Every structure is written in C-alpha cells, then in structure tokens.
Amino acid sequence: MNISHFAQTRYTTKVFDPVRKIPEATLAQLCTLLRNSPSSVNSQPWHFLVASSEEGKARVAKATQDAFAFNEPKVKNAATVIVLCARTAMEPAQLAHLLEQEQADGRFASEAAKAGQDAGRNKFVNLHRFDHKDLQHWMEKQVYLALGTLLLGAATLEVDACPMEGFNAAALDAEFGLREKGLTSVVVVSLGYRSDEDFNAKLPKSRLPAQEVLTIL
C-alpha cells in the first residue's frame, strides 16, 4: 500500500450521499484506529461518541443550529458521525486506572518498570497541571492525534470524512451530559461517502511546496 497516495487524494467532504452506509466491518476498523491512537505517556484522555442511527445523528446535529447551520447537512447526511471528546481532568484515580490496565495487558516486566511508568506519567501530567497550567489544552492535543489517525485511516479504507470545529460545544456537551461525565466535546467528524454533488471533490488539492515546509537535515 502506498500511504502517500491516500494522503494526497483524501480531502474534506462537503456533501455526503445520504443513502450509502459504512459497512459494519469498516466502521469497526475505524473504531479500532481511534482506540489505538497514540497519546503522550499513554494518557488516553478521550472518549468517542459514535452515531450511525438517524436519532443519534439528529442529536449531534442540534449543536449545528443557528451560527453553525451550514454544518447541519454534513452531520445529518453522513453515514456515521463521531464526536471526539477530551477529559476535563486527569485525576489520580484515572492515572491509577491506566496503570492497572497496562499491567493487565502485560506492559511491565517488573514492579520497578511499573513504578517507572507511573512516575513518568505523573511527571508529565503535573508539568502541564502546575507548571505550564495548560492541562486541558494538553489533553485536547492528544485528541487531535486521534483525529489525525482517524482521517488517514478512513482514507485508506476509502471512507470520506469531514472534520468540524464549527459546532456549539456547550450545546453538544449538554445534549449528551458530557460535562457530568468529566468530558467535553472537541471536534466532530462526519464519515461516509461523497455525493456526486460534492463540489470539493472536483477541486485540485492545494498545499505549500515541499521546500517551504520541509527542512532536511
């Protein structure tokens, strides 16, 4: 597989075919990509809402009303919509939960290795919590790593995608009770298959020249 082919041919879909659905096996692969996305110190500060039903998509679409009405068709006509959420805190209980999951998955050859992982993760979490004071921003950065994984993965599976920040996060959080669960919505991705009416599919891709963005040392 030539991965650069998919990077060069994927694009942001503006108009989805409202009839064509994503096969279950393909959607399962996309969910696997999300769950296995990289994150700093394996912090995994995320949760993903996956809406494929008309009811589920309609609930997400409530956050695209008024100022973001231009995104409503992209939500309602997509086959599946995924809301990528970040945690609103990284508490000791969550850190302990991560550590125990790593132990259950066989990540530690010794108690010293386990202690080292725990100390290292706490160091970075506390660095952002107390020194940089940007813990929420740092956690959202990890969510965007998952977004990149999802977008390129979707392209390799020949699934079209449209990432969106144009939505009312407060309304979306309220619709799904996210804040009560220690979560907040960060970005929404519509997935499916382009319509023949999608004007963006016909436009050439535009990127700055390689010599402007790459420095080979």
N, C-alpha and C. Protein backbone atom coordinates (compact mmCIF):
# COMPACT_ATOMS: atom_id res chain seq x y z
N MET A 1 0.84 -1.19 0.00
CA MET A 1 0.00 0.00 0.00
C MET A 1 0.88 1.25 0.00
N ASN A 2 0.57 2.20 -0.85
CA ASN A 2 1.28 3.47 -0.91
C ASN A 2 0.51 4.49 -0.07
N ILE A 3 0.97 4.68 1.18
CA ILE A 3 0.23 5.53 2.10
C ILE A 3 0.18 6.97 1.63
N SER A 4 1.22 7.41 0.89
CA SER A 4 1.23 8.80 0.42
C SER A 4 0.12 9.05 -0.60
N HIS A 5 -0.29 8.00 -1.31
CA HIS A 5 -1.40 8.14 -2.26
C HIS A 5 -2.66 8.61 -1.54
N PHE A 6 -2.93 8.02 -0.39
CA PHE A 6 -4.14 8.36 0.35
C PHE A 6 -4.03 9.75 0.98
N ALA A 7 -2.81 10.12 1.40
CA ALA A 7 -2.61 11.47 1.94
C ALA A 7 -2.84 12.52 0.85
N GLN A 8 -2.48 12.18 -0.37
CA GLN A 8 -2.60 13.14 -1.48
C GLN A 8 -4.01 13.18 -2.07
N THR A 9 -4.78 12.12 -1.89
CA THR A 9 -6.10 12.08 -2.52
C THR A 9 -7.25 12.32 -1.55
N ARG A 10 -7.03 12.19 -0.24
CA ARG A 10 -8.11 12.47 0.70
C ARG A 10 -8.39 13.97 0.70
N TYR A 11 -9.60 14.32 1.06
CA TYR A 11 -10.00 15.72 1.11
C TYR A 11 -11.17 15.83 2.07
N THR A 12 -11.55 17.05 2.39
CA THR A 12 -12.68 17.28 3.28
C THR A 12 -13.98 17.26 2.49
N THR A 13 -14.78 16.26 2.73
CA THR A 13 -16.03 16.10 2.01
C THR A 13 -17.06 17.11 2.49
N LYS A 14 -17.68 17.80 1.55
CA LYS A 14 -18.66 18.84 1.88
C LYS A 14 -20.10 18.36 1.72
N VAL A 15 -20.32 17.39 0.83
CA VAL A 15 -21.67 16.88 0.58
C VAL A 15 -21.62 15.35 0.59
N PHE A 16 -22.38 14.74 1.50
CA PHE A 16 -22.39 13.29 1.62
C PHE A 16 -23.60 12.67 0.91
N ASP A 17 -23.42 11.44 0.45
CA ASP A 17 -24.52 10.64 -0.06
C ASP A 17 -25.34 10.19 1.15
N PRO A 18 -26.58 10.63 1.29
CA PRO A 18 -27.36 10.31 2.49
C PRO A 18 -27.85 8.87 2.54
N VAL A 19 -27.68 8.13 1.46
CA VAL A 19 -28.20 6.77 1.38
C VAL A 19 -27.14 5.73 1.71
N ARG A 20 -25.95 5.94 1.24
CA ARG A 20 -24.90 4.92 1.38
C ARG A 20 -24.35 4.87 2.80
N LYS A 21 -24.29 3.67 3.36
CA LYS A 21 -23.84 3.47 4.73
C LYS A 21 -22.45 2.82 4.76
N ILE A 22 -21.78 2.97 5.88
CA ILE A 22 -20.47 2.35 6.07
C ILE A 22 -20.67 0.91 6.54
N PRO A 23 -20.06 -0.07 5.89
CA PRO A 23 -20.19 -1.45 6.35
C PRO A 23 -19.74 -1.60 7.80
N GLU A 24 -20.38 -2.49 8.53
CA GLU A 24 -20.07 -2.67 9.95
C GLU A 24 -18.60 -3.01 10.17
N ALA A 25 -18.05 -3.86 9.32
CA ALA A 25 -16.65 -4.26 9.48
C ALA A 25 -15.71 -3.07 9.29
N THR A 26 -16.06 -2.19 8.37
CA THR A 26 -15.24 -1.00 8.14
C THR A 26 -15.34 -0.04 9.31
N LEU A 27 -16.54 0.16 9.82
CA LEU A 27 -16.72 1.03 10.98
C LEU A 27 -15.99 0.48 12.19
N ALA A 28 -15.98 -0.83 12.33
CA ALA A 28 -15.25 -1.45 13.44
C ALA A 28 -13.76 -1.16 13.34
N GLN A 29 -13.24 -1.16 12.12
CA GLN A 29 -11.82 -0.83 11.93
C GLN A 29 -11.54 0.62 12.33
N LEU A 30 -12.44 1.51 11.97
CA LEU A 30 -12.26 2.92 12.32
C LEU A 30 -12.28 3.11 13.84
N CYS A 31 -13.16 2.40 14.52
CA CYS A 31 -13.21 2.47 15.99
C CYS A 31 -11.93 1.91 16.60
N THR A 32 -11.39 0.86 15.99
CA THR A 32 -10.14 0.28 16.46
C THR A 32 -8.99 1.27 16.29
N LEU A 33 -8.99 2.00 15.19
CA LEU A 33 -7.98 3.04 14.98
C LEU A 33 -8.05 4.09 16.07
N LEU A 34 -9.25 4.53 16.41
CA LEU A 34 -9.40 5.53 17.46
C LEU A 34 -8.87 5.02 18.79
N ARG A 35 -9.27 3.81 19.15
CA ARG A 35 -8.89 3.27 20.46
C ARG A 35 -7.39 3.06 20.56
N ASN A 36 -6.73 2.82 19.43
CA ASN A 36 -5.30 2.54 19.43
C ASN A 36 -4.46 3.74 19.01
N SER A 37 -5.06 4.92 18.99
CA SER A 37 -4.31 6.12 18.64
C SER A 37 -3.22 6.40 19.67
N PRO A 38 -2.13 7.04 19.25
CA PRO A 38 -1.07 7.39 20.20
C PRO A 38 -1.49 8.55 21.09
N SER A 39 -0.92 8.60 22.28
CA SER A 39 -1.12 9.74 23.17
C SER A 39 0.09 9.87 24.07
N SER A 40 0.38 11.09 24.48
CA SER A 40 1.54 11.33 25.34
C SER A 40 1.43 10.50 26.62
N VAL A 41 2.51 9.82 26.96
CA VAL A 41 2.63 8.93 28.12
C VAL A 41 1.42 8.00 28.23
N ASN A 42 0.85 7.62 27.09
CA ASN A 42 -0.29 6.71 27.04
C ASN A 42 -1.43 7.20 27.93
N SER A 43 -1.65 8.52 27.93
CA SER A 43 -2.64 9.12 28.82
C SER A 43 -4.08 8.85 28.39
N GLN A 44 -4.31 8.67 27.10
CA GLN A 44 -5.63 8.32 26.56
C GLN A 44 -6.76 9.18 27.17
N PRO A 45 -6.62 10.52 27.15
CA PRO A 45 -7.61 11.37 27.83
C PRO A 45 -8.82 11.67 26.96
N TRP A 46 -9.47 10.63 26.46
CA TRP A 46 -10.51 10.83 25.46
C TRP A 46 -11.69 9.88 25.62
N HIS A 47 -12.73 10.19 24.90
CA HIS A 47 -13.89 9.31 24.75
C HIS A 47 -14.51 9.66 23.40
N PHE A 48 -15.10 8.68 22.74
CA PHE A 48 -15.63 8.89 21.40
C PHE A 48 -17.10 8.47 21.34
N LEU A 49 -17.95 9.40 20.88
CA LEU A 49 -19.36 9.07 20.65
C LEU A 49 -19.52 8.73 19.18
N VAL A 50 -20.09 7.57 18.90
CA VAL A 50 -20.24 7.10 17.52
C VAL A 50 -21.73 7.02 17.20
N ALA A 51 -22.18 7.88 16.31
CA ALA A 51 -23.60 7.95 15.96
C ALA A 51 -23.81 7.54 14.51
N SER A 52 -24.47 6.41 14.32
CA SER A 52 -24.82 5.95 12.97
C SER A 52 -26.32 5.96 12.74
N SER A 53 -27.11 5.95 13.81
CA SER A 53 -28.56 5.96 13.67
C SER A 53 -29.03 7.37 13.34
N GLU A 54 -30.20 7.46 12.73
CA GLU A 54 -30.76 8.78 12.42
C GLU A 54 -31.00 9.57 13.70
N GLU A 55 -31.45 8.88 14.75
CA GLU A 55 -31.69 9.54 16.03
C GLU A 55 -30.39 10.09 16.61
N GLY A 56 -29.35 9.28 16.57
CA GLY A 56 -28.07 9.71 17.11
C GLY A 56 -27.50 10.90 16.37
N LYS A 57 -27.55 10.85 15.04
CA LYS A 57 -27.04 11.97 14.23
C LYS A 57 -27.86 13.24 14.46
N ALA A 58 -29.16 13.08 14.65
CA ALA A 58 -30.02 14.24 14.90
C ALA A 58 -29.65 14.91 16.21
N ARG A 59 -29.28 14.11 17.20
CA ARG A 59 -28.88 14.68 18.49
C ARG A 59 -27.57 15.47 18.34
N VAL A 60 -26.64 14.93 17.57
CA VAL A 60 -25.39 15.66 17.33
C VAL A 60 -25.68 16.94 16.55
N ALA A 61 -26.59 16.84 15.59
CA ALA A 61 -26.90 17.98 14.72
C ALA A 61 -27.51 19.15 15.48
N LYS A 62 -28.04 18.92 16.68
CA LYS A 62 -28.58 20.03 17.47
C LYS A 62 -27.51 21.08 17.75
N ALA A 63 -26.26 20.66 17.76
CA ALA A 63 -25.16 21.58 18.05
C ALA A 63 -24.74 22.37 16.81
N THR A 64 -25.39 22.12 15.68
CA THR A 64 -25.03 22.85 14.46
C THR A 64 -26.12 23.84 14.07
N GLN A 65 -27.03 24.12 14.96
CA GLN A 65 -28.09 25.07 14.65
C GLN A 65 -27.57 26.50 14.76
N ASP A 66 -28.36 27.43 14.25
CA ASP A 66 -28.06 28.87 14.33
C ASP A 66 -26.74 29.18 13.61
N ALA A 67 -25.72 29.60 14.35
CA ALA A 67 -24.48 30.10 13.74
C ALA A 67 -23.74 29.02 12.94
N PHE A 68 -24.02 27.75 13.22
CA PHE A 68 -23.31 26.67 12.54
C PHE A 68 -24.23 25.84 11.66
N ALA A 69 -25.32 26.44 11.19
CA ALA A 69 -26.31 25.72 10.39
C ALA A 69 -25.72 25.17 9.10
N PHE A 70 -24.65 25.77 8.61
CA PHE A 70 -24.01 25.28 7.38
C PHE A 70 -23.43 23.88 7.54
N ASN A 71 -23.21 23.45 8.78
CA ASN A 71 -22.67 22.11 9.02
C ASN A 71 -23.75 21.06 9.29
N GLU A 72 -25.00 21.49 9.45
CA GLU A 72 -26.06 20.54 9.77
C GLU A 72 -26.23 19.44 8.73
N PRO A 73 -26.24 19.75 7.42
CA PRO A 73 -26.37 18.65 6.43
C PRO A 73 -25.20 17.68 6.46
N LYS A 74 -24.03 18.16 6.80
CA LYS A 74 -22.86 17.29 6.86
C LYS A 74 -22.99 16.27 7.98
N VAL A 75 -23.73 16.63 9.01
CA VAL A 75 -23.98 15.70 10.12
C VAL A 75 -25.14 14.76 9.78
N LYS A 76 -26.23 15.32 9.33
CA LYS A 76 -27.43 14.50 9.10
C LYS A 76 -27.31 13.58 7.90
N ASN A 77 -26.56 13.97 6.87
CA ASN A 77 -26.46 13.16 5.66
C ASN A 77 -25.29 12.19 5.67
N ALA A 78 -24.38 12.33 6.63
CA ALA A 78 -23.27 11.39 6.74
C ALA A 78 -23.77 10.03 7.18
N ALA A 79 -22.98 9.01 6.89
CA ALA A 79 -23.35 7.67 7.34
C ALA A 79 -23.16 7.52 8.84
N THR A 80 -22.06 8.06 9.34
CA THR A 80 -21.72 7.97 10.76
C THR A 80 -21.05 9.28 11.18
N VAL A 81 -21.35 9.70 12.37
CA VAL A 81 -20.73 10.90 12.93
C VAL A 81 -20.05 10.53 14.24
N ILE A 82 -18.81 10.97 14.39
CA ILE A 82 -18.06 10.67 15.61
C ILE A 82 -17.73 11.98 16.32
N VAL A 83 -18.08 12.05 17.59
CA VAL A 83 -17.73 13.20 18.43
C VAL A 83 -16.51 12.80 19.24
N LEU A 84 -15.41 13.51 19.03
CA LEU A 84 -14.19 13.24 19.77
C LEU A 84 -14.17 14.15 20.99
N CYS A 85 -14.11 13.54 22.17
CA CYS A 85 -14.20 14.28 23.42
C CYS A 85 -12.89 14.17 24.20
N ALA A 86 -12.60 15.21 24.97
CA ALA A 86 -11.45 15.20 25.88
C ALA A 86 -11.95 15.13 27.31
N ARG A 87 -11.15 14.55 28.16
CA ARG A 87 -11.45 14.59 29.58
C ARG A 87 -11.30 16.02 30.08
N THR A 88 -11.99 16.38 31.13
CA THR A 88 -11.87 17.72 31.70
C THR A 88 -10.95 17.73 32.91
N ALA A 89 -10.43 16.58 33.29
CA ALA A 89 -9.47 16.50 34.40
C ALA A 89 -8.71 15.19 34.26
N MET A 90 -7.53 15.16 34.85
CA MET A 90 -6.74 13.93 34.89
C MET A 90 -6.44 13.65 36.36
N GLU A 91 -7.40 12.99 37.00
CA GLU A 91 -7.33 12.77 38.44
C GLU A 91 -6.49 11.53 38.78
N PRO A 92 -6.02 11.43 40.03
CA PRO A 92 -5.23 10.27 40.45
C PRO A 92 -5.93 8.94 40.17
N ALA A 93 -7.25 8.89 40.32
CA ALA A 93 -7.97 7.64 40.08
C ALA A 93 -7.86 7.21 38.61
N GLN A 94 -7.89 8.19 37.69
CA GLN A 94 -7.74 7.87 36.28
C GLN A 94 -6.33 7.39 35.97
N LEU A 95 -5.35 8.02 36.57
CA LEU A 95 -3.96 7.61 36.38
C LEU A 95 -3.74 6.19 36.91
N ALA A 96 -4.34 5.89 38.04
CA ALA A 96 -4.23 4.54 38.60
C ALA A 96 -4.92 3.53 37.70
N HIS A 97 -6.05 3.92 37.13
CA HIS A 97 -6.79 3.04 36.22
C HIS A 97 -5.96 2.71 34.99
N LEU A 98 -5.29 3.71 34.43
CA LEU A 98 -4.42 3.49 33.28
C LEU A 98 -3.30 2.52 33.63
N LEU A 99 -2.71 2.71 34.80
CA LEU A 99 -1.59 1.86 35.22
C LEU A 99 -2.03 0.41 35.38
N GLU A 100 -3.18 0.20 35.97
CA GLU A 100 -3.66 -1.17 36.16
C GLU A 100 -4.02 -1.82 34.82
N GLN A 101 -4.53 -1.04 33.88
CA GLN A 101 -4.81 -1.60 32.57
C GLN A 101 -3.52 -2.01 31.87
N GLU A 102 -2.50 -1.19 31.99
CA GLU A 102 -1.21 -1.53 31.40
C GLU A 102 -0.64 -2.81 32.02
N GLN A 103 -0.80 -2.94 33.33
CA GLN A 103 -0.32 -4.16 33.99
C GLN A 103 -1.11 -5.37 33.50
N ALA A 104 -2.42 -5.24 33.39
CA ALA A 104 -3.25 -6.35 32.92
C ALA A 104 -2.90 -6.74 31.50
N ASP A 105 -2.43 -5.77 30.70
CA ASP A 105 -2.07 -6.04 29.31
C ASP A 105 -0.63 -6.52 29.16
N GLY A 106 0.06 -6.69 30.29
CA GLY A 106 1.41 -7.25 30.26
C GLY A 106 2.50 -6.26 29.90
N ARG A 107 2.31 -4.99 30.21
CA ARG A 107 3.28 -3.97 29.82
C ARG A 107 4.52 -3.95 30.72
N PHE A 108 4.44 -4.54 31.91
CA PHE A 108 5.53 -4.37 32.86
C PHE A 108 6.24 -5.69 33.14
N ALA A 109 7.54 -5.66 32.95
CA ALA A 109 8.35 -6.86 33.24
C ALA A 109 8.67 -6.97 34.72
N SER A 110 8.51 -5.88 35.46
CA SER A 110 8.82 -5.89 36.89
C SER A 110 8.06 -4.77 37.57
N GLU A 111 8.05 -4.83 38.92
CA GLU A 111 7.42 -3.75 39.68
C GLU A 111 8.16 -2.44 39.48
N ALA A 112 9.47 -2.51 39.25
CA ALA A 112 10.24 -1.31 39.01
C ALA A 112 9.80 -0.64 37.71
N ALA A 113 9.50 -1.45 36.68
CA ALA A 113 9.04 -0.90 35.41
C ALA A 113 7.68 -0.23 35.59
N LYS A 114 6.82 -0.85 36.38
CA LYS A 114 5.50 -0.28 36.65
C LYS A 114 5.64 1.05 37.39
N ALA A 115 6.51 1.07 38.40
CA ALA A 115 6.71 2.29 39.17
C ALA A 115 7.29 3.40 38.29
N GLY A 116 8.18 3.02 37.37
CA GLY A 116 8.77 4.00 36.47
C GLY A 116 7.74 4.62 35.55
N GLN A 117 6.84 3.78 35.02
CA GLN A 117 5.79 4.31 34.15
C GLN A 117 4.87 5.24 34.93
N ASP A 118 4.52 4.86 36.14
CA ASP A 118 3.63 5.68 36.97
C ASP A 118 4.28 7.03 37.27
N ALA A 119 5.55 7.01 37.63
CA ALA A 119 6.26 8.25 37.95
C ALA A 119 6.39 9.14 36.72
N GLY A 120 6.72 8.54 35.58
CA GLY A 120 6.89 9.31 34.36
C GLY A 120 5.60 9.97 33.91
N ARG A 121 4.50 9.23 33.97
CA ARG A 121 3.22 9.80 33.55
C ARG A 121 2.79 10.92 34.49
N ASN A 122 2.92 10.68 35.78
CA ASN A 122 2.56 11.72 36.74
C ASN A 122 3.42 12.97 36.55
N LYS A 123 4.68 12.77 36.20
CA LYS A 123 5.57 13.92 35.98
C LYS A 123 5.03 14.81 34.87
N PHE A 124 4.64 14.20 33.75
CA PHE A 124 4.16 15.00 32.63
C PHE A 124 2.78 15.60 32.91
N VAL A 125 1.92 14.84 33.55
CA VAL A 125 0.61 15.39 33.90
C VAL A 125 0.76 16.58 34.83
N ASN A 126 1.61 16.45 35.83
CA ASN A 126 1.81 17.55 36.78
C ASN A 126 2.54 18.72 36.14
N LEU A 127 3.39 18.45 35.17
CA LEU A 127 4.07 19.52 34.44
C LEU A 127 3.04 20.43 33.77
N HIS A 128 2.04 19.79 33.17
CA HIS A 128 1.01 20.58 32.49
C HIS A 128 -0.03 21.13 33.47
N ARG A 129 -0.25 20.42 34.56
CA ARG A 129 -1.24 20.89 35.54
C ARG A 129 -0.71 22.10 36.33
N PHE A 130 0.53 22.02 36.81
CA PHE A 130 1.03 23.03 37.73
C PHE A 130 2.00 24.03 37.10
N ASP A 131 2.91 23.56 36.23
CA ASP A 131 3.94 24.45 35.70
C ASP A 131 3.45 25.20 34.47
N HIS A 132 3.05 24.46 33.45
CA HIS A 132 2.56 25.11 32.23
C HIS A 132 1.12 25.60 32.39
N LYS A 133 0.39 25.00 33.32
CA LYS A 133 -1.01 25.35 33.57
C LYS A 133 -1.86 25.27 32.30
N ASP A 134 -1.63 24.23 31.55
CA ASP A 134 -2.36 24.04 30.29
C ASP A 134 -2.85 22.60 30.13
N LEU A 135 -3.24 22.00 31.25
CA LEU A 135 -3.59 20.58 31.23
C LEU A 135 -4.73 20.29 30.26
N GLN A 136 -5.76 21.14 30.25
CA GLN A 136 -6.88 20.91 29.34
C GLN A 136 -6.42 20.98 27.88
N HIS A 137 -5.61 21.96 27.57
CA HIS A 137 -5.09 22.10 26.22
C HIS A 137 -4.23 20.90 25.85
N TRP A 138 -3.42 20.44 26.79
CA TRP A 138 -2.56 19.28 26.55
C TRP A 138 -3.39 18.03 26.26
N MET A 139 -4.46 17.84 27.02
CA MET A 139 -5.32 16.68 26.78
C MET A 139 -6.00 16.78 25.43
N GLU A 140 -6.40 17.97 25.04
CA GLU A 140 -7.04 18.14 23.74
C GLU A 140 -6.05 17.89 22.60
N LYS A 141 -4.76 18.19 22.83
CA LYS A 141 -3.75 17.84 21.83
C LYS A 141 -3.75 16.34 21.55
N GLN A 142 -3.94 15.55 22.59
CA GLN A 142 -3.94 14.09 22.41
C GLN A 142 -5.16 13.67 21.57
N VAL A 143 -6.28 14.36 21.77
CA VAL A 143 -7.48 14.07 20.98
C VAL A 143 -7.21 14.34 19.50
N TYR A 144 -6.43 15.37 19.21
CA TYR A 144 -6.13 15.67 17.81
C TYR A 144 -5.18 14.65 17.19
N LEU A 145 -4.38 13.98 18.02
CA LEU A 145 -3.61 12.84 17.50
C LEU A 145 -4.57 11.75 17.03
N ALA A 146 -5.62 11.51 17.81
CA ALA A 146 -6.63 10.52 17.42
C ALA A 146 -7.36 10.97 16.15
N LEU A 147 -7.61 12.28 16.03
CA LEU A 147 -8.26 12.80 14.83
C LEU A 147 -7.42 12.52 13.59
N GLY A 148 -6.12 12.79 13.65
CA GLY A 148 -5.25 12.52 12.51
C GLY A 148 -5.23 11.06 12.15
N THR A 149 -5.19 10.20 13.16
CA THR A 149 -5.21 8.76 12.92
C THR A 149 -6.50 8.36 12.20
N LEU A 150 -7.62 8.91 12.66
CA LEU A 150 -8.91 8.60 12.07
C LEU A 150 -9.00 9.06 10.62
N LEU A 151 -8.56 10.28 10.33
CA LEU A 151 -8.70 10.81 8.98
C LEU A 151 -7.87 10.04 7.96
N LEU A 152 -6.63 9.75 8.30
CA LEU A 152 -5.80 9.00 7.35
C LEU A 152 -6.29 7.56 7.24
N GLY A 153 -6.69 6.99 8.37
CA GLY A 153 -7.22 5.62 8.34
C GLY A 153 -8.47 5.51 7.50
N ALA A 154 -9.35 6.50 7.63
CA ALA A 154 -10.58 6.50 6.82
C ALA A 154 -10.25 6.54 5.34
N ALA A 155 -9.27 7.36 4.99
CA ALA A 155 -8.88 7.46 3.58
C ALA A 155 -8.39 6.13 3.03
N THR A 156 -7.60 5.40 3.83
CA THR A 156 -7.10 4.11 3.36
C THR A 156 -8.22 3.08 3.20
N LEU A 157 -9.31 3.29 3.94
CA LEU A 157 -10.47 2.41 3.83
C LEU A 157 -11.48 2.93 2.81
N GLU A 158 -11.09 4.01 2.11
CA GLU A 158 -11.92 4.64 1.08
C GLU A 158 -13.25 5.14 1.65
N VAL A 159 -13.16 5.67 2.87
CA VAL A 159 -14.29 6.32 3.52
C VAL A 159 -14.00 7.82 3.53
N ASP A 160 -14.96 8.61 3.10
CA ASP A 160 -14.79 10.05 3.07
C ASP A 160 -15.06 10.64 4.44
N ALA A 161 -14.44 11.80 4.71
CA ALA A 161 -14.55 12.39 6.05
C ALA A 161 -14.59 13.90 5.98
N CYS A 162 -15.21 14.48 7.01
CA CYS A 162 -15.26 15.94 7.17
C CYS A 162 -15.08 16.27 8.65
N PRO A 163 -13.89 16.73 9.06
CA PRO A 163 -13.70 17.16 10.45
C PRO A 163 -14.27 18.55 10.63
N MET A 164 -14.90 18.80 11.79
CA MET A 164 -15.56 20.08 12.02
C MET A 164 -15.33 20.59 13.45
N GLU A 165 -14.92 21.84 13.53
CA GLU A 165 -14.92 22.55 14.80
C GLU A 165 -16.09 23.53 14.86
N GLY A 166 -16.82 23.64 13.76
CA GLY A 166 -17.95 24.55 13.69
C GLY A 166 -19.21 23.96 14.29
N PHE A 167 -19.30 23.97 15.61
CA PHE A 167 -20.48 23.48 16.33
C PHE A 167 -20.49 24.12 17.70
N ASN A 168 -21.63 24.09 18.34
CA ASN A 168 -21.79 24.66 19.67
C ASN A 168 -21.41 23.59 20.70
N ALA A 169 -20.20 23.71 21.22
CA ALA A 169 -19.70 22.68 22.15
C ALA A 169 -20.53 22.62 23.42
N ALA A 170 -20.98 23.77 23.90
CA ALA A 170 -21.79 23.78 25.12
C ALA A 170 -23.10 23.03 24.91
N ALA A 171 -23.72 23.24 23.72
CA ALA A 171 -24.98 22.54 23.41
C ALA A 171 -24.74 21.05 23.25
N LEU A 172 -23.64 20.68 22.61
CA LEU A 172 -23.36 19.26 22.40
C LEU A 172 -23.04 18.58 23.73
N ASP A 173 -22.28 19.25 24.56
CA ASP A 173 -21.97 18.70 25.88
C ASP A 173 -23.25 18.48 26.69
N ALA A 174 -24.17 19.45 26.60
CA ALA A 174 -25.42 19.35 27.35
C ALA A 174 -26.31 18.23 26.81
N GLU A 175 -26.34 18.08 25.50
CA GLU A 175 -27.19 17.06 24.87
C GLU A 175 -26.84 15.66 25.36
N PHE A 176 -25.55 15.41 25.55
CA PHE A 176 -25.11 14.07 25.95
C PHE A 176 -24.63 14.01 27.40
N GLY A 177 -24.85 15.07 28.15
CA GLY A 177 -24.43 15.07 29.55
C GLY A 177 -22.95 14.83 29.72
N LEU A 178 -22.15 15.39 28.82
CA LEU A 178 -20.72 15.09 28.81
C LEU A 178 -19.99 15.67 30.02
N ARG A 179 -20.32 16.88 30.39
CA ARG A 179 -19.58 17.53 31.47
C ARG A 179 -19.80 16.82 32.80
N GLU A 180 -21.00 16.27 32.97
CA GLU A 180 -21.27 15.50 34.19
C GLU A 180 -20.44 14.21 34.22
N LYS A 181 -19.99 13.79 33.05
CA LYS A 181 -19.16 12.59 32.95
C LYS A 181 -17.67 12.92 32.91
N GLY A 182 -17.33 14.19 33.11
CA GLY A 182 -15.93 14.59 33.09
C GLY A 182 -15.37 14.70 31.69
N LEU A 183 -16.23 15.04 30.71
CA LEU A 183 -15.82 15.11 29.32
C LEU A 183 -16.30 16.41 28.69
N THR A 184 -15.68 16.78 27.58
CA THR A 184 -16.17 17.90 26.78
C THR A 184 -15.87 17.63 25.31
N SER A 185 -16.78 18.02 24.43
CA SER A 185 -16.60 17.78 23.00
C SER A 185 -15.52 18.70 22.45
N VAL A 186 -14.70 18.17 21.54
CA VAL A 186 -13.58 18.92 20.97
C VAL A 186 -13.73 19.10 19.47
N VAL A 187 -14.04 18.01 18.77
CA VAL A 187 -14.16 18.06 17.32
C VAL A 187 -15.14 16.99 16.88
N VAL A 188 -15.87 17.26 15.81
CA VAL A 188 -16.84 16.31 15.25
C VAL A 188 -16.35 15.90 13.87
N VAL A 189 -16.46 14.60 13.58
CA VAL A 189 -16.06 14.10 12.26
C VAL A 189 -17.23 13.36 11.63
N SER A 190 -17.65 13.83 10.47
CA SER A 190 -18.66 13.11 9.69
C SER A 190 -17.95 12.15 8.75
N LEU A 191 -18.48 10.95 8.64
CA LEU A 191 -17.90 9.91 7.81
C LEU A 191 -18.95 9.32 6.88
N GLY A 192 -18.53 8.89 5.73
CA GLY A 192 -19.46 8.27 4.78
C GLY A 192 -18.88 8.28 3.39
N TYR A 193 -19.71 8.61 2.41
CA TYR A 193 -19.28 8.57 1.02
C TYR A 193 -19.80 9.81 0.31
N ARG A 194 -18.93 10.41 -0.49
CA ARG A 194 -19.25 11.68 -1.15
C ARG A 194 -20.44 11.56 -2.09
N SER A 195 -21.17 12.64 -2.18
CA SER A 195 -22.25 12.74 -3.16
C SER A 195 -21.67 13.20 -4.49
N ASP A 196 -22.35 12.89 -5.57
CA ASP A 196 -21.93 13.39 -6.88
C ASP A 196 -22.00 14.91 -6.94
N GLU A 197 -22.74 15.50 -6.00
CA GLU A 197 -22.90 16.95 -5.96
C GLU A 197 -21.82 17.64 -5.12
N ASP A 198 -20.88 16.88 -4.61
CA ASP A 198 -19.84 17.47 -3.75
C ASP A 198 -18.83 18.24 -4.61
N PHE A 199 -18.91 19.54 -4.58
CA PHE A 199 -18.04 20.39 -5.39
C PHE A 199 -16.58 20.25 -5.00
N ASN A 200 -16.32 19.98 -3.72
CA ASN A 200 -14.94 19.93 -3.25
C ASN A 200 -14.18 18.73 -3.82
N ALA A 201 -14.91 17.69 -4.19
CA ALA A 201 -14.27 16.50 -4.76
C ALA A 201 -13.65 16.80 -6.12
N LYS A 202 -14.13 17.81 -6.77
CA LYS A 202 -13.67 18.12 -8.13
C LYS A 202 -12.53 19.14 -8.14
N LEU A 203 -12.22 19.71 -6.99
CA LEU A 203 -11.17 20.73 -6.93
C LEU A 203 -9.81 20.09 -6.70
N PRO A 204 -8.76 20.65 -7.29
CA PRO A 204 -7.41 20.10 -7.06
C PRO A 204 -6.96 20.36 -5.63
N LYS A 205 -6.15 19.45 -5.10
CA LYS A 205 -5.61 19.63 -3.75
C LYS A 205 -4.58 20.75 -3.79
N SER A 206 -4.52 21.55 -2.74
CA SER A 206 -3.57 22.65 -2.68
C SER A 206 -2.77 22.60 -1.39
N ARG A 207 -1.45 22.50 -1.53
CA ARG A 207 -0.55 22.53 -0.38
C ARG A 207 0.66 23.37 -0.74
N LEU A 208 1.31 23.95 0.25
CA LEU A 208 2.52 24.70 0.01
C LEU A 208 3.61 23.76 -0.52
N PRO A 209 4.53 24.28 -1.32
CA PRO A 209 5.59 23.43 -1.88
C PRO A 209 6.42 22.77 -0.78
N ALA A 210 6.95 21.58 -1.08
CA ALA A 210 7.72 20.81 -0.10
C ALA A 210 8.89 21.62 0.45
N GLN A 211 9.56 22.40 -0.41
CA GLN A 211 10.72 23.13 0.05
C GLN A 211 10.38 24.24 1.04
N GLU A 212 9.10 24.61 1.11
CA GLU A 212 8.68 25.62 2.09
C GLU A 212 8.35 25.03 3.46
N VAL A 213 8.00 23.76 3.48
CA VAL A 213 7.54 23.18 4.75
C VAL A 213 8.44 22.05 5.25
N LEU A 214 9.41 21.64 4.46
CA LEU A 214 10.31 20.57 4.86
C LEU A 214 11.76 21.07 4.87
N THR A 215 12.45 20.83 5.97
CA THR A 215 13.88 21.09 6.05
C THR A 215 14.56 19.77 6.33
N ILE A 216 15.35 19.29 5.39
CA ILE A 216 16.03 18.01 5.53
C ILE A 216 17.41 18.27 6.11
N LEU A 217 17.67 17.74 7.31
CA LEU A 217 18.95 17.98 8.00
C LEU A 217 19.93 16.83 7.77
